[in-house]
Amino acid sequence: MHIVTRTLCAAGFTLLTQGAFAACTAATVKGTWGFTYEGFDLAGQNYCAGVGLMSFNTATLSNNTVKISLQRESCDGRAIETGTANGTYTVTSTCTGRSTNLAYTGGNGSARLDFNIVEAGDKLQFVMVIPNTITLHGEALKR
């Protein structure tokens, strides 16, 4: 009986881990996501938090685009100007993604967005870095 129990547990674990690591593509994140974040503004030494929308589009010729629209942001209680960022992104089969060329409207330089696709493709966990300026982390839910 002990061997049967171990065999069934091993088979169940194998099925669970195979399902947990289902392959992702750029189409997995296609659509609009509502997000929240918090982080630190290195330049002003301020704690920041905000909300907004991310839109991922898949296009032909492997040119997947992402647009981030910041709706509201506050750094140490002061309202900050809202804005948008645009760039391209990639998604790996292991459900991680990256955009290394997010360009902000009205800003200089570019940002990097790294994300994990979790909860069967309904949630993103992300980190966004604007080099030497700001580091943010947050979550996005599919709308």
N, C-alpha and C. Protein backbone atom coordinates (compact mmCIF):
# COMPACT_ATOMS: atom_id res chain seq x y z
N MET A 1 0.82 -1.19 0.00
CA MET A 1 0.00 0.00 0.00
C MET A 1 0.86 1.26 0.00
N HIS A 2 1.97 1.24 0.70
CA HIS A 2 2.86 2.38 0.79
C HIS A 2 3.42 2.76 -0.59
N ILE A 3 3.75 1.75 -1.41
CA ILE A 3 4.28 2.00 -2.75
C ILE A 3 3.20 2.62 -3.64
N VAL A 4 1.97 2.16 -3.50
CA VAL A 4 0.87 2.72 -4.29
C VAL A 4 0.65 4.19 -3.93
N THR A 5 0.68 4.51 -2.66
CA THR A 5 0.49 5.88 -2.20
C THR A 5 1.59 6.79 -2.76
N ARG A 6 2.84 6.34 -2.68
CA ARG A 6 3.95 7.14 -3.20
C ARG A 6 3.82 7.33 -4.71
N THR A 7 3.42 6.30 -5.42
CA THR A 7 3.27 6.39 -6.87
C THR A 7 2.17 7.39 -7.24
N LEU A 8 1.04 7.33 -6.55
CA LEU A 8 -0.05 8.26 -6.82
C LEU A 8 0.34 9.70 -6.49
N CYS A 9 1.05 9.90 -5.39
CA CYS A 9 1.51 11.25 -5.02
C CYS A 9 2.48 11.80 -6.05
N ALA A 10 3.41 10.96 -6.51
CA ALA A 10 4.38 11.39 -7.52
C ALA A 10 3.67 11.75 -8.82
N ALA A 11 2.70 10.95 -9.24
CA ALA A 11 1.96 11.23 -10.47
C ALA A 11 1.16 12.52 -10.34
N GLY A 12 0.53 12.73 -9.19
CA GLY A 12 -0.23 13.97 -8.96
C GLY A 12 0.67 15.18 -8.96
N PHE A 13 1.84 15.08 -8.34
CA PHE A 13 2.78 16.19 -8.31
C PHE A 13 3.26 16.52 -9.71
N THR A 14 3.54 15.51 -10.52
CA THR A 14 3.98 15.73 -11.90
C THR A 14 2.91 16.47 -12.69
N LEU A 15 1.65 16.08 -12.55
CA LEU A 15 0.57 16.77 -13.25
C LEU A 15 0.41 18.19 -12.77
N LEU A 16 0.53 18.42 -11.47
CA LEU A 16 0.41 19.79 -10.94
C LEU A 16 1.52 20.67 -11.46
N THR A 17 2.76 20.19 -11.45
CA THR A 17 3.86 21.03 -11.90
C THR A 17 3.81 21.27 -13.40
N GLN A 18 3.35 20.29 -14.17
CA GLN A 18 3.21 20.52 -15.60
C GLN A 18 2.17 21.59 -15.89
N GLY A 19 1.04 21.56 -15.17
CA GLY A 19 0.00 22.56 -15.35
C GLY A 19 0.42 23.93 -14.87
N ALA A 20 1.24 23.97 -13.82
CA ALA A 20 1.67 25.24 -13.25
C ALA A 20 2.62 25.98 -14.19
N PHE A 21 3.29 25.26 -15.08
CA PHE A 21 4.26 25.88 -15.96
C PHE A 21 3.80 25.83 -17.41
N ALA A 22 2.53 26.15 -17.63
CA ALA A 22 2.01 26.19 -18.99
C ALA A 22 2.74 27.28 -19.77
N ALA A 23 2.97 27.04 -21.03
CA ALA A 23 3.72 27.98 -21.86
C ALA A 23 2.95 29.29 -22.07
N CYS A 24 3.68 30.39 -22.04
CA CYS A 24 3.10 31.71 -22.30
C CYS A 24 3.64 32.24 -23.62
N THR A 25 2.89 33.17 -24.20
CA THR A 25 3.30 33.89 -25.42
C THR A 25 2.92 35.35 -25.23
N ALA A 26 3.26 36.16 -26.21
CA ALA A 26 2.88 37.58 -26.16
C ALA A 26 1.37 37.73 -26.09
N ALA A 27 0.64 36.79 -26.69
CA ALA A 27 -0.82 36.85 -26.67
C ALA A 27 -1.38 36.65 -25.26
N THR A 28 -0.62 36.03 -24.37
CA THR A 28 -1.07 35.80 -22.99
C THR A 28 -1.37 37.11 -22.29
N VAL A 29 -0.62 38.16 -22.56
CA VAL A 29 -0.81 39.43 -21.88
C VAL A 29 -1.60 40.44 -22.72
N LYS A 30 -2.01 40.04 -23.91
CA LYS A 30 -2.74 40.97 -24.78
C LYS A 30 -3.98 41.50 -24.07
N GLY A 31 -4.19 42.80 -24.16
CA GLY A 31 -5.35 43.43 -23.55
C GLY A 31 -4.95 44.55 -22.61
N THR A 32 -5.90 45.00 -21.82
CA THR A 32 -5.69 46.11 -20.89
C THR A 32 -5.66 45.60 -19.47
N TRP A 33 -4.74 46.14 -18.69
CA TRP A 33 -4.51 45.76 -17.30
C TRP A 33 -4.57 47.00 -16.42
N GLY A 34 -5.23 46.90 -15.29
CA GLY A 34 -5.19 47.96 -14.29
C GLY A 34 -4.06 47.64 -13.31
N PHE A 35 -3.26 48.64 -12.95
CA PHE A 35 -2.13 48.36 -12.07
C PHE A 35 -2.03 49.34 -10.91
N THR A 36 -1.37 48.89 -9.87
CA THR A 36 -0.96 49.72 -8.74
C THR A 36 0.53 49.49 -8.52
N TYR A 37 1.21 50.48 -8.00
CA TYR A 37 2.64 50.30 -7.72
C TYR A 37 3.05 51.17 -6.55
N GLU A 38 4.20 50.86 -6.04
CA GLU A 38 4.87 51.71 -5.07
C GLU A 38 6.36 51.60 -5.33
N GLY A 39 7.08 52.59 -4.88
CA GLY A 39 8.51 52.58 -5.13
C GLY A 39 9.19 53.79 -4.54
N PHE A 40 10.40 54.02 -5.03
CA PHE A 40 11.24 55.06 -4.46
C PHE A 40 11.84 55.91 -5.56
N ASP A 41 11.68 57.22 -5.42
CA ASP A 41 12.27 58.20 -6.32
C ASP A 41 13.66 58.53 -5.80
N LEU A 42 14.69 58.03 -6.48
CA LEU A 42 16.06 58.22 -6.01
C LEU A 42 16.49 59.68 -6.06
N ALA A 43 16.03 60.40 -7.10
CA ALA A 43 16.44 61.80 -7.27
C ALA A 43 15.92 62.68 -6.13
N GLY A 44 14.63 62.52 -5.82
CA GLY A 44 14.03 63.36 -4.78
C GLY A 44 13.99 62.73 -3.41
N GLN A 45 14.49 61.47 -3.29
CA GLN A 45 14.47 60.75 -2.02
C GLN A 45 13.06 60.64 -1.46
N ASN A 46 12.09 60.32 -2.34
CA ASN A 46 10.69 60.26 -1.94
C ASN A 46 10.11 58.87 -2.17
N TYR A 47 9.16 58.50 -1.31
CA TYR A 47 8.36 57.29 -1.50
C TYR A 47 7.24 57.66 -2.46
N CYS A 48 6.96 56.81 -3.46
CA CYS A 48 5.93 57.09 -4.45
C CYS A 48 4.96 55.92 -4.57
N ALA A 49 3.73 56.22 -4.98
CA ALA A 49 2.72 55.21 -5.25
C ALA A 49 1.83 55.74 -6.37
N GLY A 50 1.23 54.81 -7.12
CA GLY A 50 0.37 55.25 -8.21
C GLY A 50 -0.50 54.15 -8.75
N VAL A 51 -1.40 54.54 -9.64
CA VAL A 51 -2.30 53.62 -10.33
C VAL A 51 -2.36 54.02 -11.80
N GLY A 52 -2.73 53.07 -12.65
CA GLY A 52 -2.86 53.37 -14.07
C GLY A 52 -3.29 52.17 -14.87
N LEU A 53 -3.09 52.26 -16.17
CA LEU A 53 -3.46 51.20 -17.10
C LEU A 53 -2.26 50.83 -17.96
N MET A 54 -2.14 49.54 -18.27
CA MET A 54 -1.16 49.02 -19.23
C MET A 54 -1.95 48.37 -20.35
N SER A 55 -1.56 48.63 -21.58
CA SER A 55 -2.20 47.98 -22.72
C SER A 55 -1.13 47.26 -23.53
N PHE A 56 -1.31 45.95 -23.69
CA PHE A 56 -0.39 45.14 -24.48
C PHE A 56 -1.09 44.76 -25.77
N ASN A 57 -0.42 44.98 -26.89
CA ASN A 57 -0.96 44.61 -28.20
C ASN A 57 0.02 43.69 -28.90
N THR A 58 -0.50 42.66 -29.54
CA THR A 58 0.35 41.82 -30.38
C THR A 58 0.13 42.26 -31.81
N ALA A 59 1.21 42.34 -32.54
CA ALA A 59 1.14 42.80 -33.93
C ALA A 59 1.84 41.77 -34.82
N THR A 60 1.68 41.93 -36.10
CA THR A 60 2.39 41.04 -37.02
C THR A 60 3.87 41.37 -37.00
N LEU A 61 4.65 40.52 -37.53
CA LEU A 61 6.11 40.69 -37.62
C LEU A 61 6.77 40.80 -36.26
N SER A 62 6.19 40.20 -35.24
CA SER A 62 6.79 40.13 -33.89
C SER A 62 7.04 41.49 -33.27
N ASN A 63 6.27 42.50 -33.63
CA ASN A 63 6.44 43.83 -33.05
C ASN A 63 5.32 44.06 -32.04
N ASN A 64 5.49 43.51 -30.84
CA ASN A 64 4.49 43.63 -29.78
C ASN A 64 4.69 44.96 -29.07
N THR A 65 3.61 45.70 -28.88
CA THR A 65 3.74 47.02 -28.27
C THR A 65 3.04 47.08 -26.91
N VAL A 66 3.59 47.90 -26.03
CA VAL A 66 2.99 48.14 -24.72
C VAL A 66 2.87 49.65 -24.53
N LYS A 67 1.74 50.07 -23.95
CA LYS A 67 1.53 51.48 -23.61
C LYS A 67 1.13 51.52 -22.14
N ILE A 68 1.80 52.34 -21.38
CA ILE A 68 1.51 52.51 -19.96
C ILE A 68 0.99 53.92 -19.75
N SER A 69 -0.21 54.03 -19.20
CA SER A 69 -0.82 55.33 -18.92
C SER A 69 -0.95 55.48 -17.42
N LEU A 70 -0.18 56.38 -16.85
CA LEU A 70 -0.23 56.64 -15.43
C LEU A 70 -1.39 57.57 -15.15
N GLN A 71 -2.33 57.13 -14.35
CA GLN A 71 -3.53 57.92 -14.06
C GLN A 71 -3.32 58.86 -12.87
N ARG A 72 -2.76 58.34 -11.80
CA ARG A 72 -2.53 59.14 -10.59
C ARG A 72 -1.23 58.67 -9.94
N GLU A 73 -0.47 59.62 -9.45
CA GLU A 73 0.75 59.29 -8.73
C GLU A 73 0.95 60.29 -7.61
N SER A 74 1.51 59.81 -6.53
CA SER A 74 1.82 60.68 -5.41
C SER A 74 3.19 60.30 -4.86
N CYS A 75 4.03 61.29 -4.67
CA CYS A 75 5.33 61.08 -4.04
C CYS A 75 5.36 61.89 -2.75
N ASP A 76 5.42 61.20 -1.63
CA ASP A 76 5.38 61.82 -0.31
C ASP A 76 4.18 62.76 -0.15
N GLY A 77 3.02 62.34 -0.67
CA GLY A 77 1.79 63.10 -0.51
C GLY A 77 1.55 64.19 -1.52
N ARG A 78 2.52 64.45 -2.38
CA ARG A 78 2.36 65.49 -3.40
C ARG A 78 1.94 64.84 -4.72
N ALA A 79 0.91 65.38 -5.34
CA ALA A 79 0.47 64.86 -6.64
C ALA A 79 1.55 65.14 -7.69
N ILE A 80 1.78 64.17 -8.52
CA ILE A 80 2.79 64.28 -9.58
C ILE A 80 2.08 64.22 -10.92
N GLU A 81 2.65 64.88 -11.91
CA GLU A 81 2.09 64.89 -13.25
C GLU A 81 1.92 63.47 -13.80
N THR A 82 0.83 63.24 -14.46
CA THR A 82 0.61 61.93 -15.07
C THR A 82 1.21 61.92 -16.47
N GLY A 83 1.41 60.74 -17.03
CA GLY A 83 2.01 60.66 -18.35
C GLY A 83 1.85 59.28 -18.95
N THR A 84 2.46 59.08 -20.11
CA THR A 84 2.40 57.79 -20.79
C THR A 84 3.79 57.34 -21.19
N ALA A 85 3.93 56.04 -21.39
CA ALA A 85 5.16 55.45 -21.89
C ALA A 85 4.79 54.42 -22.94
N ASN A 86 5.60 54.33 -23.97
CA ASN A 86 5.37 53.38 -25.06
C ASN A 86 6.65 52.62 -25.35
N GLY A 87 6.50 51.36 -25.77
CA GLY A 87 7.65 50.56 -26.15
C GLY A 87 7.22 49.23 -26.71
N THR A 88 8.18 48.34 -26.87
CA THR A 88 7.89 46.98 -27.32
C THR A 88 8.20 46.02 -26.19
N TYR A 89 7.69 44.80 -26.30
CA TYR A 89 7.90 43.82 -25.23
C TYR A 89 8.05 42.42 -25.80
N THR A 90 8.62 41.55 -24.99
CA THR A 90 8.73 40.13 -25.32
C THR A 90 8.23 39.32 -24.14
N VAL A 91 7.75 38.11 -24.42
CA VAL A 91 7.31 37.17 -23.40
C VAL A 91 7.98 35.83 -23.67
N THR A 92 8.50 35.20 -22.62
CA THR A 92 9.12 33.88 -22.77
C THR A 92 8.09 32.79 -22.51
N SER A 93 8.42 31.59 -22.91
CA SER A 93 7.52 30.45 -22.69
C SER A 93 7.39 30.11 -21.21
N THR A 94 8.32 30.61 -20.38
CA THR A 94 8.25 30.37 -18.93
C THR A 94 7.49 31.46 -18.20
N CYS A 95 6.75 32.28 -18.95
CA CYS A 95 5.84 33.29 -18.40
C CYS A 95 6.53 34.46 -17.71
N THR A 96 7.67 34.86 -18.25
CA THR A 96 8.29 36.12 -17.84
C THR A 96 8.29 37.04 -19.05
N GLY A 97 8.32 38.33 -18.80
CA GLY A 97 8.32 39.27 -19.91
C GLY A 97 9.20 40.46 -19.62
N ARG A 98 9.51 41.20 -20.68
CA ARG A 98 10.39 42.36 -20.52
C ARG A 98 10.15 43.37 -21.63
N SER A 99 10.21 44.64 -21.24
CA SER A 99 10.29 45.74 -22.18
C SER A 99 11.51 46.55 -21.76
N THR A 100 12.46 46.70 -22.65
CA THR A 100 13.69 47.41 -22.29
C THR A 100 13.75 48.81 -22.88
N ASN A 101 12.72 49.22 -23.62
CA ASN A 101 12.81 50.50 -24.34
C ASN A 101 11.59 51.39 -24.14
N LEU A 102 11.03 51.41 -22.94
CA LEU A 102 9.87 52.27 -22.68
C LEU A 102 10.30 53.72 -22.71
N ALA A 103 9.74 54.48 -23.63
CA ALA A 103 10.05 55.90 -23.75
C ALA A 103 8.89 56.71 -23.20
N TYR A 104 9.16 57.62 -22.27
CA TYR A 104 8.13 58.44 -21.66
C TYR A 104 7.86 59.70 -22.46
N THR A 105 6.57 60.00 -22.64
CA THR A 105 6.18 61.25 -23.28
C THR A 105 6.58 62.39 -22.37
N GLY A 106 7.32 63.34 -22.90
CA GLY A 106 7.74 64.49 -22.11
C GLY A 106 8.93 64.21 -21.20
N GLY A 107 9.48 63.02 -21.26
CA GLY A 107 10.63 62.69 -20.41
C GLY A 107 11.84 62.37 -21.24
N ASN A 108 12.96 62.21 -20.57
CA ASN A 108 14.17 61.82 -21.28
C ASN A 108 14.61 60.45 -20.79
N GLY A 109 15.25 59.75 -21.66
CA GLY A 109 15.72 58.41 -21.31
C GLY A 109 14.63 57.38 -21.50
N SER A 110 14.90 56.19 -21.04
CA SER A 110 13.92 55.12 -21.18
C SER A 110 13.90 54.28 -19.92
N ALA A 111 12.85 53.49 -19.79
CA ALA A 111 12.66 52.65 -18.62
C ALA A 111 12.66 51.19 -19.04
N ARG A 112 12.89 50.32 -18.07
CA ARG A 112 12.81 48.88 -18.28
C ARG A 112 11.69 48.33 -17.42
N LEU A 113 10.87 47.47 -18.01
CA LEU A 113 9.77 46.81 -17.30
C LEU A 113 10.02 45.31 -17.36
N ASP A 114 10.10 44.67 -16.21
CA ASP A 114 10.22 43.22 -16.12
C ASP A 114 8.98 42.71 -15.40
N PHE A 115 8.40 41.61 -15.91
CA PHE A 115 7.18 41.10 -15.28
C PHE A 115 7.09 39.58 -15.32
N ASN A 116 6.33 39.05 -14.36
CA ASN A 116 5.96 37.64 -14.30
C ASN A 116 4.47 37.54 -14.52
N ILE A 117 4.07 36.57 -15.32
CA ILE A 117 2.66 36.30 -15.56
C ILE A 117 2.24 35.20 -14.60
N VAL A 118 1.27 35.49 -13.73
CA VAL A 118 0.85 34.52 -12.71
C VAL A 118 -0.67 34.37 -12.73
N GLU A 119 -1.15 33.45 -11.90
CA GLU A 119 -2.58 33.19 -11.74
C GLU A 119 -3.27 32.95 -13.08
N ALA A 120 -2.72 31.98 -13.82
CA ALA A 120 -3.30 31.54 -15.10
C ALA A 120 -3.45 32.70 -16.10
N GLY A 121 -2.54 33.66 -16.05
CA GLY A 121 -2.56 34.76 -17.00
C GLY A 121 -3.46 35.91 -16.63
N ASP A 122 -3.97 35.93 -15.41
CA ASP A 122 -4.87 37.01 -14.98
C ASP A 122 -4.17 38.09 -14.18
N LYS A 123 -2.88 37.90 -13.85
CA LYS A 123 -2.19 38.85 -12.99
C LYS A 123 -0.73 38.97 -13.43
N LEU A 124 -0.20 40.19 -13.34
CA LEU A 124 1.22 40.45 -13.57
C LEU A 124 1.84 40.98 -12.29
N GLN A 125 3.02 40.52 -11.99
CA GLN A 125 3.85 41.11 -10.94
C GLN A 125 4.99 41.79 -11.69
N PHE A 126 5.26 43.06 -11.38
CA PHE A 126 6.25 43.76 -12.20
C PHE A 126 7.19 44.64 -11.37
N VAL A 127 8.32 44.93 -12.01
CA VAL A 127 9.30 45.89 -11.52
C VAL A 127 9.61 46.80 -12.69
N MET A 128 9.58 48.11 -12.45
CA MET A 128 9.95 49.07 -13.48
C MET A 128 11.10 49.91 -12.95
N VAL A 129 12.12 50.06 -13.78
CA VAL A 129 13.30 50.82 -13.38
C VAL A 129 13.58 51.90 -14.42
N ILE A 130 13.66 53.13 -13.97
CA ILE A 130 14.18 54.23 -14.77
C ILE A 130 15.57 54.47 -14.21
N PRO A 131 16.63 54.10 -14.95
CA PRO A 131 17.98 54.12 -14.40
C PRO A 131 18.34 55.42 -13.68
N ASN A 132 18.89 55.27 -12.50
CA ASN A 132 19.36 56.38 -11.66
C ASN A 132 18.27 57.35 -11.25
N THR A 133 16.99 56.98 -11.42
CA THR A 133 15.90 57.90 -11.11
C THR A 133 14.87 57.29 -10.18
N ILE A 134 14.26 56.17 -10.60
CA ILE A 134 13.16 55.62 -9.82
C ILE A 134 13.09 54.10 -10.00
N THR A 135 12.69 53.41 -8.95
CA THR A 135 12.46 51.97 -8.98
C THR A 135 11.08 51.71 -8.40
N LEU A 136 10.24 50.99 -9.16
CA LEU A 136 8.86 50.73 -8.75
C LEU A 136 8.59 49.23 -8.79
N HIS A 137 7.67 48.77 -7.96
CA HIS A 137 7.19 47.39 -8.06
C HIS A 137 5.69 47.41 -7.83
N GLY A 138 5.00 46.48 -8.50
CA GLY A 138 3.54 46.46 -8.34
C GLY A 138 2.90 45.25 -8.97
N GLU A 139 1.59 45.33 -9.07
CA GLU A 139 0.79 44.25 -9.65
C GLU A 139 -0.23 44.83 -10.61
N ALA A 140 -0.55 44.05 -11.61
CA ALA A 140 -1.55 44.45 -12.61
C ALA A 140 -2.55 43.31 -12.76
N LEU A 141 -3.83 43.66 -12.86
CA LEU A 141 -4.89 42.68 -13.07
C LEU A 141 -5.53 42.91 -14.41
N LYS A 142 -5.82 41.82 -15.11
CA LYS A 142 -6.44 41.91 -16.43
C LYS A 142 -7.87 42.42 -16.30
N ARG A 143 -8.25 43.37 -17.16
CA ARG A 143 -9.60 43.95 -17.12
C ARG A 143 -10.53 43.18 -18.01
